[in-house]
Amino acid sequence: MKEFSAIFDFIRDKNSRIPLSLFLILCFNTILAPAVQAATPGELPRTASYAIGLLALVTFSLCIYLFVVIFQPEKF
């Protein structure tokens, strides 16, 4: 039980949000890349599918960020 409280303390810490976000993006990319490779017609190298998956995640994150900035500008 002590280990779970340490994990939640790490998540709540503001200094650890960037490494945690990068880790989650890489995990989502490993899930998304095979789907991208399966959805493309023909042969696609593995590195290209990872790059396309990462590009899609960055684009989606940027869309969410801009949506929040437009509708809640007083926070920024």
Protein backbone atom coordinates (compact mmCIF):
# COMPACT_ATOMS: atom_id res chain seq x y z
CA MET A 1 0.00 0.00 0.00
CA LYS A 2 2.93 2.29 0.66
CA GLU A 3 4.11 1.96 -2.93
CA PHE A 4 0.78 3.21 -4.29
CA SER A 5 0.89 6.31 -2.10
CA ALA A 6 4.39 7.06 -3.42
CA ILE A 7 3.11 6.77 -6.99
CA PHE A 8 0.20 9.13 -6.28
CA ASP A 9 2.55 11.59 -4.58
CA PHE A 10 4.75 11.51 -7.69
CA ILE A 11 1.75 12.22 -9.92
CA ARG A 12 0.62 15.16 -7.76
CA ASP A 13 4.07 16.77 -7.77
CA LYS A 14 4.17 19.64 -10.27
CA ASN A 15 7.86 19.09 -11.06
CA SER A 16 7.23 15.57 -12.32
CA ARG A 17 4.45 16.34 -14.79
CA ILE A 18 6.69 16.76 -17.83
CA PRO A 19 8.49 13.41 -17.46
CA LEU A 20 5.20 11.70 -16.68
CA SER A 21 3.58 13.28 -19.74
CA LEU A 22 6.45 12.20 -21.98
CA PHE A 23 6.24 8.67 -20.61
CA LEU A 24 2.49 8.50 -21.26
CA ILE A 25 2.94 9.84 -24.80
CA LEU A 26 5.54 7.18 -25.54
CA CYS A 27 3.23 4.49 -24.12
CA PHE A 28 0.33 5.70 -26.25
CA ASN A 29 2.62 5.79 -29.27
CA THR A 30 3.58 2.14 -28.80
CA ILE A 31 -0.13 1.31 -28.82
CA LEU A 32 -0.95 3.61 -31.73
CA ALA A 33 1.94 2.74 -34.07
CA PRO A 34 0.82 -0.83 -34.90
CA ALA A 35 -2.67 0.48 -35.64
CA VAL A 36 -1.20 3.06 -38.01
CA GLN A 37 0.91 0.40 -39.68
CA ALA A 38 -2.10 -1.87 -40.10
CA ALA A 39 -4.30 0.91 -41.48
CA THR A 40 -1.91 2.02 -44.23
CA PRO A 41 -2.06 0.25 -47.57
CA GLY A 42 1.15 -1.35 -48.74
CA GLU A 43 4.45 -1.66 -46.94
CA LEU A 44 5.30 0.95 -44.32
CA PRO A 45 8.51 0.85 -42.30
CA ARG A 46 8.17 0.56 -38.54
CA THR A 47 9.97 3.86 -37.95
CA ALA A 48 7.57 5.68 -40.25
CA SER A 49 4.56 4.27 -38.43
CA TYR A 50 6.00 5.38 -35.08
CA ALA A 51 6.67 8.84 -36.52
CA ILE A 52 3.12 9.11 -37.87
CA GLY A 53 1.69 7.95 -34.54
CA LEU A 54 3.80 10.48 -32.64
CA LEU A 55 2.76 13.22 -35.06
CA ALA A 56 -0.90 12.34 -34.50
CA LEU A 57 -0.46 12.44 -30.70
CA VAL A 58 1.32 15.80 -30.82
CA THR A 59 -1.35 17.23 -33.13
CA PHE A 60 -4.13 15.98 -30.87
CA SER A 61 -2.39 17.41 -27.78
CA LEU A 62 -1.91 20.76 -29.49
CA CYS A 63 -5.59 20.86 -30.46
CA ILE A 64 -6.63 20.23 -26.85
CA TYR A 65 -4.21 22.89 -25.58
CA LEU A 66 -5.44 25.50 -28.07
CA PHE A 67 -9.06 24.66 -27.26
CA VAL A 68 -8.39 25.28 -23.56
CA VAL A 69 -6.47 28.51 -24.27
CA ILE A 70 -9.26 29.87 -26.46
CA PHE A 71 -12.08 29.13 -24.02
CA GLN A 72 -10.20 29.83 -20.75
CA PRO A 73 -7.74 32.63 -21.55
CA GLU A 74 -7.68 33.95 -17.98
CA LYS A 75 -5.66 30.92 -16.89
CA PHE A 76 -2.82 31.85 -19.23
